[in-house]
Amino acid sequence: MDEILSQQEIDALLKGKSDNEDDEIFTGEEIDAIGEIGNIAMGAAATALYSLINNKVAITTPRVELTTKKQLGKEYTIPYVAIEIEFTQGLQGTNLLIMKEEDVKLITNLMMGGDGSNIDGPLGDMHISAIGEAMNQMVGSSATSLASIFDKNINISPPKAFVINLASDVPHDIFKSDEPIVKVSFNLFVESYLDSEIMQLIPVDFARSLVDSLLQKTGDSGVDEYKEEVIQEIKDDVFDEVPGNIATEPTERDMETISAKADGKQREERDRVKVRPIEFQSFEENGMTHDKKNIDLIMDVPLDVTVELGRTKRLIKDILEWGPGSVIELDKLAGEPVDVLINGKLVAKGEVVVIDDNFGVRITDILSPIKRLEKIK
């Protein structure tokens, strides 16, 4: 009875709050439910990504924690690429998927048939457009998986990709002052190319609605008893379309990774394959056929086309002497083909023509389509 409460303890009692208020936003079961949802959604997304880049993809089981806009700004100071995912049917809410710029450039390169080595240079519109289209397919697969979990139709609007600075004052509408945000982190592995991290940021209200929907569906059986049924349903749906296997055991944070392609499945496929003499085709034709589906994703990306009449070098004193009427001699001969450049890379040569009141270029020599793609990666 001799102990005297401090003013802070008195205030906490009056407000009905504890020092661990953030920890009480979700119970342990609810955190497991959030992890379960993210785990299954990312499993389907990994399979979709594997089909796009034709490389083994693995995504670890999620790590769920509460954070704030202020804390994110301290931990992630460099610009990232954000993909906004808005649910329009079945679920109502918005969340962000955050990726490193270098990871986006690598995935874009692999989508276009590259070897992951030519990713230097700044992030451009082509990268943003390509990752947006990739996410459209990945999140579409995730929505199908979530529909199996919640037993209802779920639709999303086309994902929007953009560069975000988490350290800025107002990086996105989902950040309201310093309210808690659910952060779900995953390790992303692409065989021989990438070992990185992606994270999902979910407003607490939306996370709460996801949890409530899942727990209502499971009833008294709980998440653990329900997960095996859901995993089997997702596997049946996904693997009918894309060969491979996802090794997944949700809600346990130290379990093995989700894999979009397993050796066991490959062996089964080989056993069923009929052996016949091999027929070789041209490498360029093979490359174009293999990558056509992925190239279609970026057909609408605008690129800068420049026609270069010629170049020259002059001393500074000569440049300072220039004036109206000065003639600058270029390194091109009269009648010699001009250079056509895409994003600064030479892809063709041609001759200058006049179309109505505009200049134009008639192509006389041009690289093959596959080599043009290699130039603009």
Protein backbone atom coordinates (compact mmCIF):
# COMPACT_ATOMS: atom_id res chain seq x y z
CA MET A 1 0.00 0.00 0.00
CA ASP A 2 3.04 2.26 0.35
CA GLU A 3 3.64 2.22 -3.42
CA ILE A 4 2.58 5.42 -5.14
CA LEU A 5 1.52 5.39 -8.80
CA SER A 6 3.36 7.74 -11.13
CA GLN A 7 1.45 10.34 -13.13
CA GLN A 8 2.07 8.37 -16.33
CA GLU A 9 0.61 5.21 -14.79
CA ILE A 10 -2.41 7.17 -13.56
CA ASP A 11 -2.93 8.64 -17.05
CA ALA A 12 -2.67 5.18 -18.60
CA LEU A 13 -5.29 3.80 -16.21
CA LEU A 14 -7.65 6.70 -16.91
CA LYS A 15 -7.30 6.24 -20.68
CA GLY A 16 -7.58 2.47 -20.44
CA LYS A 17 -4.36 2.03 -22.45
CA SER A 18 -1.14 0.17 -21.81
CA ASP A 19 2.43 0.81 -22.86
CA ASN A 20 2.06 -1.99 -25.42
CA GLU A 21 -0.95 -0.50 -27.18
CA ASP A 22 0.40 -1.24 -30.66
CA ASP A 23 0.90 -4.91 -29.78
CA GLU A 24 -2.77 -5.15 -28.80
CA ILE A 25 -4.11 -4.01 -32.19
CA PHE A 26 -3.95 -7.63 -33.38
CA THR A 27 -3.89 -10.85 -31.38
CA GLY A 28 -1.43 -13.62 -32.14
CA GLU A 29 -4.10 -15.51 -34.08
CA GLU A 30 -4.92 -12.41 -36.12
CA ILE A 31 -1.25 -11.84 -36.97
CA ASP A 32 -1.08 -15.47 -38.11
CA ALA A 33 -4.16 -14.84 -40.25
CA ILE A 34 -2.49 -11.83 -41.93
CA GLY A 35 0.58 -13.98 -42.58
CA GLU A 36 -1.59 -16.76 -43.97
CA ILE A 37 -3.29 -14.40 -46.42
CA GLY A 38 0.02 -12.91 -47.56
CA ASN A 39 1.60 -16.35 -47.84
CA ILE A 40 -1.01 -17.78 -50.18
CA ALA A 41 -1.26 -14.59 -52.24
CA MET A 42 2.51 -14.47 -52.71
CA GLY A 43 2.62 -18.16 -53.57
CA ALA A 44 0.35 -17.55 -56.55
CA ALA A 45 2.30 -14.39 -57.45
CA ALA A 46 5.59 -16.35 -57.44
CA THR A 47 4.15 -18.84 -59.91
CA ALA A 48 3.02 -16.02 -62.21
CA LEU A 49 6.45 -14.37 -62.01
CA TYR A 50 8.15 -17.67 -62.86
CA SER A 51 6.08 -17.91 -66.04
CA LEU A 52 7.12 -14.37 -67.02
CA ILE A 53 10.88 -14.61 -66.48
CA ASN A 54 11.36 -18.38 -66.96
CA ASN A 55 13.57 -18.63 -63.88
CA LYS A 56 13.04 -20.37 -60.57
CA VAL A 57 11.36 -18.01 -58.09
CA ALA A 58 11.11 -18.43 -54.34
CA ILE A 59 9.38 -16.19 -51.80
CA THR A 60 9.80 -16.80 -48.08
CA THR A 61 6.95 -17.02 -45.65
CA PRO A 62 5.98 -13.56 -44.38
CA ARG A 63 7.14 -11.58 -41.38
CA VAL A 64 4.30 -9.46 -40.01
CA GLU A 65 4.85 -6.40 -37.85
CA LEU A 66 3.35 -3.01 -37.06
CA THR A 67 5.21 0.12 -38.09
CA THR A 68 4.55 3.80 -38.78
CA LYS A 69 5.23 6.25 -41.59
CA LYS A 70 7.92 7.89 -39.46
CA GLN A 71 9.68 4.59 -38.79
CA LEU A 72 9.54 3.59 -42.46
CA GLY A 73 11.14 6.90 -43.40
CA LYS A 74 14.04 6.17 -41.07
CA GLU A 75 14.57 2.58 -42.25
CA TYR A 76 14.09 3.13 -46.00
CA THR A 77 15.73 6.40 -47.02
CA ILE A 78 16.36 5.79 -50.74
CA PRO A 79 13.62 5.92 -53.41
CA TYR A 80 11.74 2.69 -54.07
CA VAL A 81 9.22 1.50 -56.63
CA ALA A 82 5.70 1.18 -55.26
CA ILE A 83 2.86 -0.77 -56.84
CA GLU A 84 -0.58 0.34 -55.69
CA ILE A 85 -3.10 -2.50 -55.52
CA GLU A 86 -6.76 -1.54 -55.11
CA PHE A 87 -9.45 -4.14 -54.47
CA THR A 88 -12.75 -3.21 -56.12
CA GLN A 89 -14.96 -6.27 -55.58
CA GLY A 90 -15.23 -8.76 -52.74
CA LEU A 91 -12.74 -6.75 -50.68
CA GLN A 92 -12.54 -2.98 -50.39
CA GLY A 93 -9.16 -1.44 -49.70
CA THR A 94 -5.76 -0.41 -51.01
CA ASN A 95 -2.26 -1.59 -50.19
CA LEU A 96 1.24 -0.98 -51.53
CA LEU A 97 3.89 -3.44 -52.65
CA ILE A 98 7.38 -1.91 -52.28
CA MET A 99 10.38 -3.05 -54.35
CA LYS A 100 13.95 -1.82 -54.84
CA GLU A 101 14.69 0.01 -58.09
CA GLU A 102 17.53 -2.40 -58.94
CA ASP A 103 15.19 -5.38 -58.49
CA VAL A 104 12.65 -3.80 -60.84
CA LYS A 105 15.32 -3.25 -63.51
CA LEU A 106 16.54 -6.84 -63.16
CA ILE A 107 13.05 -8.36 -63.44
CA THR A 108 12.28 -6.14 -66.45
CA ASN A 109 15.51 -7.27 -68.11
CA LEU A 110 14.67 -10.95 -67.55
CA MET A 111 11.14 -10.43 -68.86
CA MET A 112 12.58 -9.20 -72.15
CA GLY A 113 14.89 -12.20 -72.49
CA GLY A 114 18.00 -10.55 -71.05
CA ASP A 115 20.61 -12.22 -68.89
CA GLY A 116 20.31 -9.79 -65.97
CA SER A 117 23.66 -8.14 -66.66
CA ASN A 118 22.65 -5.01 -68.55
CA ILE A 119 20.72 -3.11 -65.85
CA ASP A 120 22.93 -0.06 -65.38
CA GLY A 121 21.45 3.37 -65.85
CA PRO A 122 18.48 5.18 -64.35
CA LEU A 123 15.02 3.72 -63.88
CA GLY A 124 12.87 4.71 -66.87
CA ASP A 125 9.29 4.67 -68.09
CA MET A 126 9.90 1.30 -69.74
CA HIS A 127 10.82 -0.27 -66.38
CA ILE A 128 7.78 1.25 -64.64
CA SER A 129 5.41 0.14 -67.39
CA ALA A 130 6.89 -3.37 -67.55
CA ILE A 131 6.77 -3.98 -63.79
CA GLY A 132 3.21 -2.65 -63.75
CA GLU A 133 2.18 -5.20 -66.37
CA ALA A 134 4.05 -7.97 -64.55
CA MET A 135 2.30 -7.05 -61.30
CA ASN A 136 -1.02 -7.05 -63.13
CA GLN A 137 -0.55 -10.75 -63.86
CA MET A 138 0.97 -11.55 -60.46
CA VAL A 139 -1.73 -9.77 -58.47
CA GLY A 140 -4.39 -11.25 -60.75
CA SER A 141 -3.19 -14.71 -59.72
CA SER A 142 -3.18 -13.60 -56.09
CA ALA A 143 -6.77 -12.37 -56.39
CA THR A 144 -7.80 -15.79 -57.69
CA SER A 145 -6.13 -17.40 -54.68
CA LEU A 146 -7.79 -14.99 -52.25
CA ALA A 147 -11.15 -15.76 -53.86
CA SER A 148 -10.58 -19.39 -52.86
CA ILE A 149 -9.80 -18.34 -49.30
CA PHE A 150 -12.80 -16.08 -48.84
CA ASP A 151 -15.15 -18.06 -51.09
CA LYS A 152 -16.29 -15.02 -53.09
CA ASN A 153 -15.41 -13.15 -56.26
CA ILE A 154 -12.50 -10.75 -55.81
CA ASN A 155 -11.44 -8.18 -58.39
CA ILE A 156 -8.68 -5.59 -58.46
CA SER A 157 -8.10 -2.51 -60.57
CA PRO A 158 -4.96 -2.49 -62.77
CA PRO A 159 -1.95 -1.94 -60.48
CA LYS A 160 -0.26 1.47 -60.64
CA ALA A 161 3.54 1.55 -60.44
CA PHE A 162 5.46 4.67 -59.45
CA VAL A 163 8.60 5.81 -57.65
CA ILE A 164 8.09 6.56 -53.96
CA ASN A 165 10.24 8.16 -51.28
CA LEU A 166 9.17 6.82 -47.90
CA ALA A 167 11.14 9.53 -46.13
CA SER A 168 9.09 12.32 -47.72
CA ASP A 169 6.36 14.12 -45.78
CA VAL A 170 3.35 12.61 -47.59
CA PRO A 171 4.48 9.67 -49.77
CA HIS A 172 0.98 8.23 -50.32
CA ASP A 173 -2.64 8.54 -49.28
CA ILE A 174 -2.57 5.34 -47.19
CA PHE A 175 -0.21 7.05 -44.75
CA LYS A 176 -2.26 9.10 -42.33
CA SER A 177 -0.19 11.11 -39.85
CA ASP A 178 1.66 8.58 -37.69
CA GLU A 179 -0.99 5.89 -37.36
CA PRO A 180 0.21 2.26 -37.28
CA ILE A 181 0.63 0.44 -40.60
CA VAL A 182 0.86 -3.31 -41.11
CA LYS A 183 4.16 -4.23 -42.77
CA VAL A 184 4.47 -7.72 -44.26
CA SER A 185 8.03 -8.52 -45.41
CA PHE A 186 9.06 -11.30 -47.80
CA ASN A 187 12.46 -12.42 -49.05
CA LEU A 188 12.44 -12.72 -52.85
CA PHE A 189 14.84 -15.10 -54.58
CA VAL A 190 15.29 -15.46 -58.34
CA GLU A 191 17.64 -18.32 -59.12
CA SER A 192 21.21 -17.13 -59.87
CA TYR A 193 20.06 -13.51 -60.11
CA LEU A 194 18.40 -12.03 -57.05
CA ASP A 195 18.33 -12.31 -53.26
CA SER A 196 16.37 -9.34 -52.00
CA GLU A 197 13.34 -8.22 -50.01
CA ILE A 198 9.91 -6.95 -50.94
CA MET A 199 7.34 -5.63 -48.52
CA GLN A 200 3.62 -5.05 -48.44
CA LEU A 201 2.16 -2.07 -46.58
CA ILE A 202 -1.46 -2.43 -45.49
CA PRO A 203 -3.58 0.13 -43.62
CA VAL A 204 -4.74 -1.26 -40.27
CA ASP A 205 -8.43 -0.94 -41.22
CA PHE A 206 -7.96 -2.97 -44.40
CA ALA A 207 -5.85 -5.57 -42.59
CA ARG A 208 -8.61 -5.83 -39.98
CA SER A 209 -11.22 -6.48 -42.69
CA LEU A 210 -9.01 -9.20 -44.22
CA VAL A 211 -8.59 -10.87 -40.84
CA ASP A 212 -12.30 -10.69 -40.05
CA SER A 213 -13.20 -12.18 -43.42
CA LEU A 214 -10.78 -15.08 -42.95
CA LEU A 215 -11.79 -15.83 -39.37
CA GLN A 216 -15.48 -15.70 -40.28
CA LYS A 217 -14.80 -18.21 -43.04
CA THR A 218 -12.84 -20.54 -40.75
CA GLY A 219 -15.33 -20.25 -37.88
CA ASP A 220 -14.23 -22.00 -34.72
CA SER A 221 -11.80 -24.29 -36.51
CA GLY A 222 -9.08 -21.62 -36.51
CA VAL A 223 -6.48 -20.72 -39.08
CA ASP A 224 -4.22 -23.74 -38.55
CA GLU A 225 -6.94 -26.31 -39.33
CA TYR A 226 -8.13 -24.37 -42.36
CA LYS A 227 -4.78 -23.75 -44.05
CA GLU A 228 -4.21 -27.27 -45.44
CA GLU A 229 -7.52 -27.20 -47.31
CA VAL A 230 -6.78 -23.78 -48.78
CA ILE A 231 -3.23 -24.67 -49.81
CA GLN A 232 -4.45 -27.74 -51.69
CA GLU A 233 -7.12 -25.71 -53.49
CA ILE A 234 -4.56 -23.12 -54.55
CA LYS A 235 -2.10 -25.76 -55.76
CA ASP A 236 -4.81 -27.46 -57.84
CA ASP A 237 -5.80 -24.15 -59.45
CA VAL A 238 -2.29 -22.81 -60.08
CA PHE A 239 -0.43 -25.90 -61.23
CA ASP A 240 -2.97 -26.77 -63.90
CA GLU A 241 -1.56 -23.77 -65.80
CA VAL A 242 2.13 -23.51 -64.83
CA PRO A 243 4.40 -26.49 -64.13
CA GLY A 244 6.29 -26.35 -60.88
CA ASN A 245 5.74 -26.65 -57.19
CA ILE A 246 5.37 -24.26 -54.30
CA ALA A 247 6.82 -25.48 -51.03
CA THR A 248 4.77 -23.64 -48.46
CA GLU A 249 3.75 -24.00 -44.85
CA PRO A 250 1.97 -20.77 -43.87
CA THR A 251 1.94 -18.88 -40.59
CA GLU A 252 5.28 -20.34 -39.40
CA ARG A 253 7.92 -17.66 -39.91
CA ASP A 254 10.96 -19.92 -40.00
CA MET A 255 9.63 -22.53 -42.42
CA GLU A 256 11.03 -23.25 -45.88
CA THR A 257 10.43 -20.90 -48.80
CA ILE A 258 7.63 -20.87 -51.31
CA SER A 259 9.10 -22.22 -54.54
CA ALA A 260 7.56 -21.76 -57.96
CA LYS A 261 9.41 -24.72 -59.45
CA ALA A 262 10.54 -27.93 -57.79
CA ASP A 263 12.95 -30.60 -58.94
CA GLY A 264 10.50 -33.38 -58.13
CA LYS A 265 7.92 -31.99 -60.49
CA GLN A 266 10.55 -31.68 -63.22
CA ARG A 267 11.48 -35.35 -62.87
CA GLU A 268 7.82 -36.37 -63.18
CA GLU A 269 7.48 -34.28 -66.33
CA ARG A 270 10.63 -35.83 -67.87
CA ASP A 271 9.32 -39.35 -67.21
CA ARG A 272 6.25 -38.60 -69.32
CA VAL A 273 8.11 -36.97 -72.23
CA LYS A 274 8.49 -38.94 -75.44
CA VAL A 275 12.08 -38.97 -76.70
CA ARG A 276 12.63 -37.95 -80.32
CA PRO A 277 15.52 -36.58 -82.42
CA ILE A 278 16.23 -32.94 -81.75
CA GLU A 279 15.50 -30.35 -84.44
CA PHE A 280 17.48 -27.12 -84.28
CA GLN A 281 16.09 -23.73 -85.17
CA SER A 282 17.67 -20.33 -85.59
CA PHE A 283 18.64 -18.73 -82.29
CA GLU A 284 17.03 -15.42 -83.20
CA GLU A 285 13.74 -17.08 -84.15
CA ASN A 286 13.77 -19.06 -80.91
CA GLY A 287 14.46 -15.94 -78.87
CA MET A 288 11.66 -13.95 -80.47
CA THR A 289 9.15 -16.79 -80.02
CA HIS A 290 10.11 -17.34 -76.39
CA ASP A 291 9.97 -13.67 -75.46
CA LYS A 292 6.99 -12.55 -77.56
CA LYS A 293 4.49 -12.90 -74.74
CA ASN A 294 6.59 -10.78 -72.41
CA ILE A 295 7.46 -8.22 -75.09
CA ASP A 296 3.74 -7.70 -75.70
CA LEU A 297 3.52 -6.34 -72.17
CA ILE A 298 5.59 -3.27 -73.06
CA MET A 299 4.43 -2.59 -76.63
CA ASP A 300 2.79 0.70 -75.60
CA VAL A 301 5.87 2.16 -73.88
CA PRO A 302 7.00 5.37 -75.68
CA LEU A 303 10.70 5.65 -76.63
CA ASP A 304 12.72 8.63 -77.89
CA VAL A 305 13.63 8.38 -81.58
CA THR A 306 16.46 10.66 -82.77
CA VAL A 307 17.83 11.15 -86.28
CA GLU A 308 21.46 12.28 -86.24
CA LEU A 309 22.69 14.13 -89.29
CA GLY A 310 26.30 14.10 -88.10
CA ARG A 311 28.77 15.16 -85.43
CA THR A 312 31.95 17.19 -85.14
CA LYS A 313 34.42 18.49 -82.58
CA ARG A 314 35.53 22.10 -82.33
CA LEU A 315 37.79 24.10 -80.05
CA ILE A 316 36.18 26.36 -77.48
CA LYS A 317 37.63 29.44 -79.22
CA ASP A 318 35.97 28.36 -82.49
CA ILE A 319 32.60 27.85 -80.76
CA LEU A 320 32.81 31.31 -79.21
CA GLU A 321 33.38 32.80 -82.67
CA TRP A 322 30.18 31.32 -84.10
CA GLY A 323 27.44 33.68 -85.15
CA PRO A 324 24.51 33.92 -87.57
CA GLY A 325 25.67 32.67 -90.96
CA SER A 326 28.46 30.47 -89.60
CA VAL A 327 28.75 27.09 -91.29
CA ILE A 328 29.56 24.00 -89.23
CA GLU A 329 31.06 21.10 -91.16
CA LEU A 330 29.97 17.67 -89.92
CA ASP A 331 31.67 14.29 -90.19
CA LYS A 332 29.05 13.02 -92.66
CA LEU A 333 29.49 13.24 -96.41
CA ALA A 334 26.74 14.63 -98.60
CA GLY A 335 24.29 11.85 -99.44
CA GLU A 336 25.67 9.53 -96.75
CA PRO A 337 22.97 7.76 -94.68
CA VAL A 338 21.97 9.40 -91.40
CA ASP A 339 21.83 7.54 -88.07
CA VAL A 340 18.53 6.59 -86.40
CA LEU A 341 18.86 6.22 -82.63
CA ILE A 342 16.41 4.79 -80.08
CA ASN A 343 17.06 6.09 -76.56
CA GLY A 344 20.52 7.11 -77.77
CA LYS A 345 21.37 3.65 -79.21
CA LEU A 346 22.04 3.24 -82.96
CA VAL A 347 19.50 0.84 -84.53
CA ALA A 348 19.17 1.94 -88.17
CA LYS A 349 20.44 4.11 -91.01
CA GLY A 350 18.44 5.96 -93.64
CA GLU A 351 18.17 8.82 -96.09
CA VAL A 352 16.51 12.16 -95.43
CA VAL A 353 13.22 12.79 -97.25
CA VAL A 354 10.60 15.54 -97.16
CA ILE A 355 7.01 14.64 -96.29
CA ASP A 356 4.70 17.62 -96.91
CA ASP A 357 6.37 20.31 -94.78
CA ASN A 358 8.26 17.92 -92.49
CA PHE A 359 11.56 16.12 -92.74
CA GLY A 360 11.54 12.35 -92.51
CA VAL A 361 13.86 9.37 -92.88
CA ARG A 362 13.53 6.43 -95.25
CA ILE A 363 15.12 3.38 -93.58
CA THR A 364 17.82 1.77 -95.71
CA ASP A 365 19.51 -0.49 -93.14
CA ILE A 366 18.16 -1.68 -89.78
CA LEU A 367 18.98 -4.21 -87.07
CA SER A 368 16.82 -7.30 -86.63
CA PRO A 369 13.94 -7.02 -84.10
CA ILE A 370 15.76 -9.12 -81.49
CA LYS A 371 18.92 -7.00 -81.79
CA ARG A 372 16.83 -3.84 -81.57
CA LEU A 373 15.40 -5.08 -78.28
CA GLU A 374 18.88 -5.82 -76.98
CA LYS A 375 19.91 -2.25 -77.82
CA ILE A 376 17.06 -0.60 -75.88
CA LYS A 377 17.16 -2.78 -72.73
